[in-house]
Amino acid sequence: MASGRIFFSRIRISSARGLTVLELCAFVSVIAVLLGGMVSLARHVKSRGAEELTRQRIEVLRQRAELLWDDPESDFVERPMPKALNEPDLLAWATAGSAQLLAKLSKYDESVRPDVFYDAWGTPIAVAPRDGRQLGMSPNGHPFLVSAGPDRLFLSQADNLYSYDLIVPEVTTSSATGD
């Protein structure tokens, strides 16, 4: 140790035996479970994102359309529901209603873009008449907006999104104080 250097004994880190088949299978199965969880989480996040985008589009359209529906000078005419309730007829009806609403709203607001009239799954957002019982009932007596949801079927109402679901009731001072 005259030169001031300290010598360490060499430590051997690797073992001579390697991985057994059982250890390798356990490692692969843990990785597969983790990847499966990540894929499931990614699908859920994508689905929630599409739903939120559609809710935002419906809310923007609802706010603008209510100006049109409340205006007595407006020439907006509610389109009646198709007589035969099947998905192709409802899709054609929704597409025509969206085009009509786009034409009417663009007179009021030039910033309205055509892509706002489609939900995140590519289906037109339908303008349902106030008596559109087959699609839902508006509590305020106005026409309402409806998205067919991720299954793209208007008649399966389980995943449909409605404009009247987005309206938050106002809290009055009497109900807020418990009177």
N, C-alpha and C. Protein backbone atom coordinates (compact mmCIF):
# COMPACT_ATOMS: atom_id res chain seq x y z
N MET A 1 0.82 -1.19 0.00
CA MET A 1 0.00 0.00 0.00
C MET A 1 0.86 1.24 0.00
N ALA A 2 1.96 1.12 -0.51
CA ALA A 2 2.87 2.25 -0.54
C ALA A 2 2.41 3.31 -1.50
N SER A 3 1.71 2.94 -2.53
CA SER A 3 1.28 3.93 -3.50
C SER A 3 -0.03 4.59 -3.11
N GLY A 4 -0.63 4.22 -2.02
CA GLY A 4 -1.87 4.83 -1.55
C GLY A 4 -3.12 4.24 -2.18
N ARG A 5 -3.00 3.21 -2.89
CA ARG A 5 -4.15 2.59 -3.51
C ARG A 5 -4.68 1.49 -2.61
N ILE A 6 -6.02 1.40 -2.61
CA ILE A 6 -6.67 0.35 -1.84
C ILE A 6 -7.16 -0.69 -2.83
N PHE A 7 -6.82 -1.89 -2.62
CA PHE A 7 -7.24 -2.96 -3.50
C PHE A 7 -8.42 -3.70 -2.89
N PHE A 8 -9.47 -3.84 -3.69
CA PHE A 8 -10.64 -4.58 -3.24
C PHE A 8 -10.63 -5.94 -3.90
N SER A 9 -11.19 -6.87 -3.18
CA SER A 9 -11.31 -8.18 -3.80
C SER A 9 -12.44 -8.13 -4.82
N ARG A 10 -12.29 -8.85 -5.84
CA ARG A 10 -13.33 -8.86 -6.87
C ARG A 10 -14.53 -9.66 -6.38
N ILE A 11 -15.72 -9.03 -6.57
CA ILE A 11 -16.96 -9.69 -6.18
C ILE A 11 -17.64 -10.15 -7.45
N ARG A 12 -17.98 -11.38 -7.48
CA ARG A 12 -18.63 -11.92 -8.66
C ARG A 12 -20.15 -11.75 -8.49
N ILE A 13 -20.80 -10.98 -9.41
CA ILE A 13 -22.23 -10.68 -9.31
C ILE A 13 -23.07 -11.73 -10.02
N SER A 14 -22.66 -12.18 -11.14
CA SER A 14 -23.48 -13.12 -11.90
C SER A 14 -23.33 -14.52 -11.33
N SER A 15 -24.46 -15.23 -11.39
CA SER A 15 -24.42 -16.61 -10.92
C SER A 15 -24.21 -17.52 -12.11
N ALA A 16 -23.80 -18.67 -11.86
CA ALA A 16 -23.50 -19.60 -12.94
C ALA A 16 -24.75 -20.31 -13.45
N ARG A 17 -25.85 -20.29 -12.72
CA ARG A 17 -26.99 -21.12 -13.10
C ARG A 17 -27.97 -20.44 -14.06
N GLY A 18 -28.16 -19.09 -14.10
CA GLY A 18 -29.11 -18.42 -15.00
C GLY A 18 -30.54 -18.54 -14.49
N LEU A 19 -31.53 -18.30 -15.39
CA LEU A 19 -32.94 -18.36 -15.01
C LEU A 19 -33.52 -19.74 -15.31
N THR A 20 -34.37 -20.19 -14.43
CA THR A 20 -35.07 -21.44 -14.68
C THR A 20 -36.29 -21.15 -15.55
N VAL A 21 -36.85 -22.18 -16.10
CA VAL A 21 -38.05 -22.03 -16.93
C VAL A 21 -39.20 -21.47 -16.10
N LEU A 22 -39.32 -21.87 -14.87
CA LEU A 22 -40.39 -21.37 -14.00
C LEU A 22 -40.23 -19.88 -13.74
N GLU A 23 -39.03 -19.44 -13.47
CA GLU A 23 -38.79 -18.01 -13.24
C GLU A 23 -39.07 -17.19 -14.50
N LEU A 24 -38.69 -17.71 -15.64
CA LEU A 24 -38.94 -17.03 -16.90
C LEU A 24 -40.44 -16.93 -17.18
N CYS A 25 -41.18 -18.00 -16.93
CA CYS A 25 -42.65 -17.97 -17.13
C CYS A 25 -43.30 -16.98 -16.17
N ALA A 26 -42.85 -16.93 -14.94
CA ALA A 26 -43.41 -15.97 -13.97
C ALA A 26 -43.14 -14.54 -14.42
N PHE A 27 -41.95 -14.28 -14.92
CA PHE A 27 -41.59 -12.94 -15.39
C PHE A 27 -42.47 -12.53 -16.58
N VAL A 28 -42.63 -13.43 -17.54
CA VAL A 28 -43.44 -13.14 -18.73
C VAL A 28 -44.90 -12.93 -18.33
N SER A 29 -45.42 -13.73 -17.39
CA SER A 29 -46.82 -13.56 -16.98
C SER A 29 -47.03 -12.24 -16.25
N VAL A 30 -46.09 -11.80 -15.44
CA VAL A 30 -46.21 -10.50 -14.77
C VAL A 30 -46.22 -9.38 -15.80
N ILE A 31 -45.35 -9.45 -16.78
CA ILE A 31 -45.32 -8.44 -17.85
C ILE A 31 -46.64 -8.44 -18.62
N ALA A 32 -47.18 -9.62 -18.92
CA ALA A 32 -48.45 -9.71 -19.66
C ALA A 32 -49.59 -9.10 -18.86
N VAL A 33 -49.65 -9.34 -17.57
CA VAL A 33 -50.69 -8.76 -16.72
C VAL A 33 -50.56 -7.23 -16.69
N LEU A 34 -49.36 -6.73 -16.57
CA LEU A 34 -49.16 -5.28 -16.56
C LEU A 34 -49.56 -4.64 -17.88
N LEU A 35 -49.19 -5.27 -19.00
CA LEU A 35 -49.58 -4.74 -20.31
C LEU A 35 -51.09 -4.79 -20.50
N GLY A 36 -51.73 -5.86 -20.05
CA GLY A 36 -53.19 -5.95 -20.14
C GLY A 36 -53.87 -4.85 -19.36
N GLY A 37 -53.37 -4.56 -18.17
CA GLY A 37 -53.92 -3.46 -17.38
C GLY A 37 -53.73 -2.12 -18.05
N MET A 38 -52.58 -1.92 -18.67
CA MET A 38 -52.33 -0.65 -19.35
C MET A 38 -53.22 -0.47 -20.56
N VAL A 39 -53.45 -1.54 -21.33
CA VAL A 39 -54.34 -1.47 -22.49
C VAL A 39 -55.77 -1.17 -22.05
N SER A 40 -56.21 -1.82 -20.99
CA SER A 40 -57.56 -1.57 -20.47
C SER A 40 -57.71 -0.13 -20.01
N LEU A 41 -56.71 0.38 -19.32
CA LEU A 41 -56.74 1.76 -18.86
C LEU A 41 -56.74 2.74 -20.04
N ALA A 42 -55.96 2.46 -21.07
CA ALA A 42 -55.91 3.33 -22.24
C ALA A 42 -57.27 3.36 -22.95
N ARG A 43 -57.94 2.21 -23.05
CA ARG A 43 -59.27 2.18 -23.68
C ARG A 43 -60.27 2.99 -22.86
N HIS A 44 -60.21 2.87 -21.55
CA HIS A 44 -61.12 3.62 -20.68
C HIS A 44 -60.89 5.12 -20.82
N VAL A 45 -59.64 5.54 -20.84
CA VAL A 45 -59.32 6.96 -20.97
C VAL A 45 -59.79 7.49 -22.33
N LYS A 46 -59.58 6.71 -23.37
CA LYS A 46 -60.03 7.13 -24.71
C LYS A 46 -61.55 7.26 -24.76
N SER A 47 -62.25 6.30 -24.17
CA SER A 47 -63.71 6.34 -24.14
C SER A 47 -64.23 7.54 -23.37
N ARG A 48 -63.65 7.81 -22.21
CA ARG A 48 -64.06 8.97 -21.40
C ARG A 48 -63.75 10.27 -22.13
N GLY A 49 -62.64 10.32 -22.83
CA GLY A 49 -62.29 11.52 -23.59
C GLY A 49 -63.28 11.78 -24.71
N ALA A 50 -63.68 10.72 -25.42
CA ALA A 50 -64.66 10.87 -26.49
C ALA A 50 -66.01 11.31 -25.94
N GLU A 51 -66.40 10.75 -24.80
CA GLU A 51 -67.66 11.15 -24.18
C GLU A 51 -67.62 12.61 -23.75
N GLU A 52 -66.52 13.05 -23.17
CA GLU A 52 -66.40 14.43 -22.72
C GLU A 52 -66.41 15.40 -23.91
N LEU A 53 -65.73 15.03 -25.00
CA LEU A 53 -65.73 15.88 -26.20
C LEU A 53 -67.15 16.01 -26.74
N THR A 54 -67.89 14.91 -26.77
CA THR A 54 -69.27 14.96 -27.26
C THR A 54 -70.14 15.81 -26.35
N ARG A 55 -69.98 15.68 -25.03
CA ARG A 55 -70.75 16.52 -24.10
C ARG A 55 -70.45 18.00 -24.32
N GLN A 56 -69.19 18.34 -24.56
CA GLN A 56 -68.83 19.74 -24.81
C GLN A 56 -69.48 20.23 -26.10
N ARG A 57 -69.45 19.41 -27.14
CA ARG A 57 -70.08 19.81 -28.41
C ARG A 57 -71.58 19.99 -28.25
N ILE A 58 -72.22 19.08 -27.53
CA ILE A 58 -73.66 19.20 -27.31
C ILE A 58 -73.97 20.47 -26.52
N GLU A 59 -73.16 20.78 -25.52
CA GLU A 59 -73.40 21.98 -24.71
C GLU A 59 -73.24 23.25 -25.55
N VAL A 60 -72.23 23.30 -26.39
CA VAL A 60 -72.04 24.48 -27.26
C VAL A 60 -73.25 24.62 -28.19
N LEU A 61 -73.66 23.52 -28.79
CA LEU A 61 -74.82 23.57 -29.69
C LEU A 61 -76.09 23.94 -28.94
N ARG A 62 -76.26 23.40 -27.74
CA ARG A 62 -77.47 23.71 -26.96
C ARG A 62 -77.56 25.19 -26.65
N GLN A 63 -76.45 25.78 -26.21
CA GLN A 63 -76.46 27.20 -25.87
C GLN A 63 -76.80 28.05 -27.08
N ARG A 64 -76.24 27.70 -28.22
CA ARG A 64 -76.52 28.49 -29.43
C ARG A 64 -77.92 28.20 -29.97
N ALA A 65 -78.34 26.94 -29.91
CA ALA A 65 -79.65 26.59 -30.45
C ALA A 65 -80.78 27.16 -29.61
N GLU A 66 -80.59 27.29 -28.30
CA GLU A 66 -81.66 27.86 -27.47
C GLU A 66 -81.93 29.31 -27.83
N LEU A 67 -80.93 30.03 -28.27
CA LEU A 67 -81.17 31.39 -28.78
C LEU A 67 -82.09 31.33 -29.99
N LEU A 68 -81.87 30.36 -30.83
CA LEU A 68 -82.68 30.18 -32.03
C LEU A 68 -84.09 29.72 -31.66
N TRP A 69 -84.20 28.76 -30.74
CA TRP A 69 -85.51 28.22 -30.39
C TRP A 69 -86.35 29.22 -29.61
N ASP A 70 -85.71 30.11 -28.84
CA ASP A 70 -86.44 31.10 -28.06
C ASP A 70 -86.82 32.34 -28.87
N ASP A 71 -86.23 32.49 -30.04
CA ASP A 71 -86.48 33.67 -30.87
C ASP A 71 -87.79 33.49 -31.64
N PRO A 72 -88.82 34.33 -31.33
CA PRO A 72 -90.09 34.17 -32.06
C PRO A 72 -89.96 34.54 -33.54
N GLU A 73 -88.94 35.30 -33.90
CA GLU A 73 -88.72 35.68 -35.30
C GLU A 73 -88.03 34.57 -36.09
N SER A 74 -87.55 33.56 -35.40
CA SER A 74 -86.80 32.49 -36.05
C SER A 74 -87.71 31.67 -36.94
N ASP A 75 -87.16 31.24 -38.05
CA ASP A 75 -87.93 30.38 -38.96
C ASP A 75 -87.50 28.92 -38.82
N PHE A 76 -86.93 28.58 -37.64
CA PHE A 76 -86.53 27.19 -37.41
C PHE A 76 -87.77 26.33 -37.28
N VAL A 77 -87.82 25.25 -38.02
CA VAL A 77 -88.96 24.34 -37.99
C VAL A 77 -88.46 23.00 -37.48
N GLU A 78 -89.13 22.50 -36.46
CA GLU A 78 -88.76 21.19 -35.95
C GLU A 78 -89.09 20.13 -36.99
N ARG A 79 -88.14 19.26 -37.21
CA ARG A 79 -88.36 18.16 -38.15
C ARG A 79 -89.01 17.01 -37.40
N PRO A 80 -90.14 16.51 -37.87
CA PRO A 80 -90.78 15.38 -37.17
C PRO A 80 -89.92 14.13 -37.27
N MET A 81 -90.10 13.25 -36.31
CA MET A 81 -89.38 11.98 -36.30
C MET A 81 -89.83 11.15 -37.50
N PRO A 82 -88.95 10.30 -38.03
CA PRO A 82 -89.38 9.42 -39.12
C PRO A 82 -90.45 8.45 -38.63
N LYS A 83 -91.35 8.11 -39.52
CA LYS A 83 -92.46 7.23 -39.13
C LYS A 83 -91.96 5.83 -38.79
N ALA A 84 -91.08 5.29 -39.62
CA ALA A 84 -90.51 3.98 -39.34
C ALA A 84 -89.25 4.19 -38.50
N LEU A 85 -89.29 3.67 -37.30
CA LEU A 85 -88.14 3.87 -36.43
C LEU A 85 -87.12 2.74 -36.63
N ASN A 86 -86.19 3.01 -37.51
CA ASN A 86 -85.06 2.10 -37.69
C ASN A 86 -83.80 2.95 -37.79
N GLU A 87 -82.68 2.36 -37.55
CA GLU A 87 -81.43 3.12 -37.47
C GLU A 87 -81.06 3.85 -38.76
N PRO A 88 -81.19 3.24 -39.95
CA PRO A 88 -80.83 4.00 -41.17
C PRO A 88 -81.69 5.25 -41.35
N ASP A 89 -83.00 5.14 -41.09
CA ASP A 89 -83.88 6.30 -41.23
C ASP A 89 -83.55 7.36 -40.18
N LEU A 90 -83.25 6.92 -38.96
CA LEU A 90 -82.89 7.88 -37.91
C LEU A 90 -81.57 8.58 -38.22
N LEU A 91 -80.63 7.85 -38.79
CA LEU A 91 -79.34 8.47 -39.15
C LEU A 91 -79.53 9.50 -40.26
N ALA A 92 -80.34 9.18 -41.26
CA ALA A 92 -80.61 10.15 -42.34
C ALA A 92 -81.36 11.36 -41.78
N TRP A 93 -82.30 11.12 -40.87
CA TRP A 93 -83.05 12.21 -40.24
C TRP A 93 -82.11 13.09 -39.41
N ALA A 94 -81.19 12.48 -38.66
CA ALA A 94 -80.26 13.24 -37.83
C ALA A 94 -79.31 14.07 -38.69
N THR A 95 -78.84 13.50 -39.79
CA THR A 95 -77.93 14.22 -40.69
C THR A 95 -78.63 15.43 -41.29
N ALA A 96 -79.87 15.26 -41.75
CA ALA A 96 -80.61 16.38 -42.33
C ALA A 96 -80.92 17.44 -41.28
N GLY A 97 -81.27 17.02 -40.08
CA GLY A 97 -81.55 17.99 -39.00
C GLY A 97 -80.32 18.76 -38.60
N SER A 98 -79.17 18.11 -38.57
CA SER A 98 -77.93 18.81 -38.24
C SER A 98 -77.58 19.83 -39.31
N ALA A 99 -77.79 19.47 -40.57
CA ALA A 99 -77.53 20.41 -41.67
C ALA A 99 -78.45 21.61 -41.58
N GLN A 100 -79.72 21.38 -41.23
CA GLN A 100 -80.67 22.48 -41.09
C GLN A 100 -80.27 23.40 -39.94
N LEU A 101 -79.90 22.81 -38.80
CA LEU A 101 -79.49 23.62 -37.65
C LEU A 101 -78.22 24.39 -37.96
N LEU A 102 -77.28 23.77 -38.67
CA LEU A 102 -76.06 24.47 -39.06
C LEU A 102 -76.37 25.68 -39.92
N ALA A 103 -77.27 25.51 -40.88
CA ALA A 103 -77.63 26.62 -41.75
C ALA A 103 -78.28 27.76 -40.96
N LYS A 104 -79.15 27.41 -40.02
CA LYS A 104 -79.83 28.44 -39.23
C LYS A 104 -78.87 29.12 -38.26
N LEU A 105 -78.02 28.34 -37.59
CA LEU A 105 -77.11 28.93 -36.61
C LEU A 105 -76.02 29.77 -37.25
N SER A 106 -75.62 29.43 -38.46
CA SER A 106 -74.56 30.21 -39.11
C SER A 106 -75.04 31.62 -39.42
N LYS A 107 -76.35 31.84 -39.49
CA LYS A 107 -76.87 33.21 -39.65
C LYS A 107 -76.69 34.01 -38.36
N TYR A 108 -76.78 33.33 -37.21
CA TYR A 108 -76.64 33.98 -35.92
C TYR A 108 -75.17 34.10 -35.50
N ASP A 109 -74.40 33.09 -35.81
CA ASP A 109 -73.03 33.02 -35.32
C ASP A 109 -72.16 32.40 -36.40
N GLU A 110 -71.24 33.20 -36.95
CA GLU A 110 -70.40 32.72 -38.05
C GLU A 110 -69.29 31.79 -37.57
N SER A 111 -69.08 31.70 -36.26
CA SER A 111 -68.01 30.85 -35.76
C SER A 111 -68.42 29.38 -35.64
N VAL A 112 -69.68 29.06 -35.93
CA VAL A 112 -70.15 27.68 -35.85
C VAL A 112 -69.52 26.88 -36.98
N ARG A 113 -68.83 25.78 -36.62
CA ARG A 113 -68.15 24.94 -37.60
C ARG A 113 -68.96 23.66 -37.82
N PRO A 114 -68.92 23.12 -39.03
CA PRO A 114 -69.67 21.88 -39.30
C PRO A 114 -69.24 20.69 -38.46
N ASP A 115 -67.97 20.61 -38.06
CA ASP A 115 -67.53 19.44 -37.30
C ASP A 115 -68.13 19.38 -35.90
N VAL A 116 -68.67 20.49 -35.41
CA VAL A 116 -69.31 20.51 -34.10
C VAL A 116 -70.61 19.70 -34.11
N PHE A 117 -71.16 19.47 -35.28
CA PHE A 117 -72.44 18.78 -35.39
C PHE A 117 -72.30 17.26 -35.43
N TYR A 118 -71.08 16.77 -35.19
CA TYR A 118 -70.84 15.33 -35.12
C TYR A 118 -70.27 15.00 -33.75
N ASP A 119 -70.66 13.85 -33.22
CA ASP A 119 -70.10 13.45 -31.93
C ASP A 119 -68.70 12.86 -32.15
N ALA A 120 -68.06 12.48 -31.09
CA ALA A 120 -66.68 11.99 -31.17
C ALA A 120 -66.58 10.64 -31.89
N TRP A 121 -67.70 9.98 -32.12
CA TRP A 121 -67.70 8.69 -32.80
C TRP A 121 -68.10 8.83 -34.25
N GLY A 122 -68.28 10.07 -34.75
CA GLY A 122 -68.56 10.32 -36.15
C GLY A 122 -70.03 10.29 -36.54
N THR A 123 -70.92 10.22 -35.59
CA THR A 123 -72.36 10.21 -35.86
C THR A 123 -72.89 11.63 -35.70
N PRO A 124 -73.82 12.07 -36.56
CA PRO A 124 -74.37 13.41 -36.40
C PRO A 124 -75.11 13.56 -35.07
N ILE A 125 -74.99 14.72 -34.47
CA ILE A 125 -75.78 15.04 -33.28
C ILE A 125 -77.16 15.44 -33.78
N ALA A 126 -78.18 14.72 -33.34
CA ALA A 126 -79.53 14.92 -33.85
C ALA A 126 -80.25 16.01 -33.08
N VAL A 127 -81.09 16.75 -33.80
CA VAL A 127 -81.99 17.73 -33.19
C VAL A 127 -83.34 17.04 -33.08
N ALA A 128 -83.68 16.61 -31.87
CA ALA A 128 -84.94 15.88 -31.66
C ALA A 128 -86.06 16.87 -31.37
N PRO A 129 -87.24 16.64 -31.92
CA PRO A 129 -88.36 17.53 -31.62
C PRO A 129 -88.79 17.38 -30.16
N ARG A 130 -89.50 18.38 -29.68
CA ARG A 130 -89.91 18.36 -28.26
C ARG A 130 -90.75 17.14 -27.91
N ASP A 131 -91.40 16.55 -28.90
CA ASP A 131 -92.19 15.35 -28.62
C ASP A 131 -91.49 14.09 -29.13
N GLY A 132 -90.18 14.10 -29.19
CA GLY A 132 -89.41 12.95 -29.67
C GLY A 132 -89.29 11.87 -28.62
N ARG A 133 -90.42 11.33 -28.20
CA ARG A 133 -90.46 10.37 -27.09
C ARG A 133 -89.61 9.13 -27.35
N GLN A 134 -89.43 8.79 -28.62
CA GLN A 134 -88.66 7.59 -28.91
C GLN A 134 -87.19 7.77 -28.54
N LEU A 135 -86.72 9.01 -28.49
CA LEU A 135 -85.32 9.27 -28.16
C LEU A 135 -85.14 9.84 -26.76
N GLY A 136 -86.19 10.35 -26.16
CA GLY A 136 -86.10 10.96 -24.84
C GLY A 136 -87.09 12.11 -24.74
N MET A 137 -87.22 12.68 -23.57
CA MET A 137 -88.15 13.80 -23.37
C MET A 137 -87.42 14.96 -22.74
N SER A 138 -87.56 16.12 -23.35
CA SER A 138 -86.93 17.32 -22.82
C SER A 138 -87.78 17.88 -21.68
N PRO A 139 -87.18 18.16 -20.53
CA PRO A 139 -87.97 18.68 -19.41
C PRO A 139 -88.42 20.12 -19.60
N ASN A 140 -87.76 20.88 -20.48
CA ASN A 140 -88.13 22.28 -20.64
C ASN A 140 -89.03 22.54 -21.84
N GLY A 141 -89.47 21.52 -22.52
CA GLY A 141 -90.40 21.69 -23.64
C GLY A 141 -89.76 22.19 -24.92
N HIS A 142 -88.46 22.26 -24.98
CA HIS A 142 -87.75 22.66 -26.20
C HIS A 142 -87.37 21.42 -26.99
N PRO A 143 -87.03 21.62 -28.26
CA PRO A 143 -86.33 20.53 -28.94
C PRO A 143 -85.04 20.25 -28.18
N PHE A 144 -84.47 19.11 -28.37
CA PHE A 144 -83.23 18.80 -27.66
C PHE A 144 -82.25 18.12 -28.60
N LEU A 145 -81.01 18.06 -28.16
CA LEU A 145 -79.95 17.46 -28.95
C LEU A 145 -79.61 16.09 -28.36
N VAL A 146 -79.32 15.15 -29.25
CA VAL A 146 -79.00 13.80 -28.79
C VAL A 146 -77.88 13.22 -29.64
N SER A 147 -76.94 12.58 -28.96
CA SER A 147 -75.87 11.83 -29.62
C SER A 147 -76.17 10.35 -29.46
N ALA A 148 -75.90 9.58 -30.49
CA ALA A 148 -76.17 8.14 -30.44
C ALA A 148 -75.18 7.41 -29.53
N GLY A 149 -74.11 8.04 -29.14
CA GLY A 149 -73.16 7.42 -28.22
C GLY A 149 -72.18 6.51 -28.94
N PRO A 150 -71.36 5.80 -28.17
CA PRO A 150 -70.32 4.98 -28.78
C PRO A 150 -70.82 3.82 -29.64
N ASP A 151 -72.03 3.33 -29.39
CA ASP A 151 -72.53 2.23 -30.23
C ASP A 151 -73.14 2.74 -31.54
N ARG A 152 -73.27 4.06 -31.69
CA ARG A 152 -73.77 4.73 -32.90
C ARG A 152 -75.21 4.34 -33.24
N LEU A 153 -75.99 3.95 -32.21
CA LEU A 153 -77.38 3.56 -32.42
C LEU A 153 -78.27 4.45 -31.56
N PHE A 154 -79.16 5.17 -32.21
CA PHE A 154 -80.06 6.07 -31.48
C PHE A 154 -81.08 5.31 -30.65
N LEU A 155 -81.53 4.16 -31.14
CA LEU A 155 -82.60 3.43 -30.47
C LEU A 155 -82.13 2.69 -29.21
N SER A 156 -80.86 2.40 -29.11
CA SER A 156 -80.36 1.81 -27.86
C SER A 156 -79.95 2.96 -26.96
N GLN A 157 -80.84 3.41 -26.14
CA GLN A 157 -80.69 4.67 -25.41
C GLN A 157 -79.76 4.58 -24.21
N ALA A 158 -79.22 3.41 -23.90
CA ALA A 158 -78.41 3.25 -22.70
C ALA A 158 -77.17 4.15 -22.70
N ASP A 159 -76.56 4.36 -23.87
CA ASP A 159 -75.34 5.16 -23.92
C ASP A 159 -75.53 6.48 -24.67
N ASN A 160 -76.77 6.84 -25.01
CA ASN A 160 -77.02 8.10 -25.69
C ASN A 160 -76.71 9.27 -24.75
N LEU A 161 -76.28 10.39 -25.33
CA LEU A 161 -76.01 11.60 -24.56
C LEU A 161 -77.02 12.67 -24.99
N TYR A 162 -77.63 13.34 -24.01
CA TYR A 162 -78.70 14.29 -24.28
C TYR A 162 -78.31 15.68 -23.79
N SER A 163 -78.83 16.70 -24.48
CA SER A 163 -78.53 18.07 -24.07
C SER A 163 -79.20 18.39 -22.74
N TYR A 164 -80.35 17.83 -22.46
CA TYR A 164 -81.02 18.17 -21.21
C TYR A 164 -80.37 17.50 -20.00
N ASP A 165 -79.50 16.51 -20.21
CA ASP A 165 -78.74 15.94 -19.10
C ASP A 165 -77.64 16.90 -18.63
N LEU A 166 -77.28 17.84 -19.47
CA LEU A 166 -76.17 18.74 -19.15
C LEU A 166 -76.64 19.98 -18.40
N ILE A 167 -77.95 20.19 -18.31
CA ILE A 167 -78.48 21.37 -17.64
C ILE A 167 -78.45 21.13 -16.14
N VAL A 168 -77.77 21.98 -15.42
CA VAL A 168 -77.69 21.87 -13.97
C VAL A 168 -78.79 22.77 -13.39
N PRO A 169 -79.68 22.22 -12.57
CA PRO A 169 -80.73 23.06 -12.01
C PRO A 169 -80.15 24.16 -11.12
N GLU A 170 -80.78 25.33 -11.20
CA GLU A 170 -80.30 26.44 -10.38
C GLU A 170 -80.72 26.23 -8.93
N VAL A 171 -79.86 26.61 -8.02
CA VAL A 171 -80.14 26.49 -6.59
C VAL A 171 -80.69 27.82 -6.12
N THR A 172 -81.88 27.78 -5.57
CA THR A 172 -82.47 29.01 -5.03
C THR A 172 -81.99 29.22 -3.61
N THR A 173 -82.14 30.42 -3.13
CA THR A 173 -81.66 30.72 -1.77
C THR A 173 -82.48 29.99 -0.72
N SER A 174 -83.78 29.76 -0.98
CA SER A 174 -84.61 29.07 0.00
C SER A 174 -84.21 27.60 0.11
N SER A 175 -83.89 26.97 -1.04
CA SER A 175 -83.50 25.56 -0.97
C SER A 175 -82.07 25.42 -0.47
N ALA A 176 -81.24 26.44 -0.66
CA ALA A 176 -79.85 26.36 -0.20
C ALA A 176 -79.77 26.50 1.32
N THR A 177 -80.72 27.23 1.91
CA THR A 177 -80.69 27.43 3.37
C THR A 177 -81.50 26.38 4.10
N GLY A 178 -82.25 25.55 3.35
CA GLY A 178 -83.01 24.48 3.98
C GLY A 178 -84.39 24.93 4.42
N ASP A 179 -84.91 26.06 3.92
CA ASP A 179 -86.25 26.54 4.30
C ASP A 179 -87.32 25.70 3.66
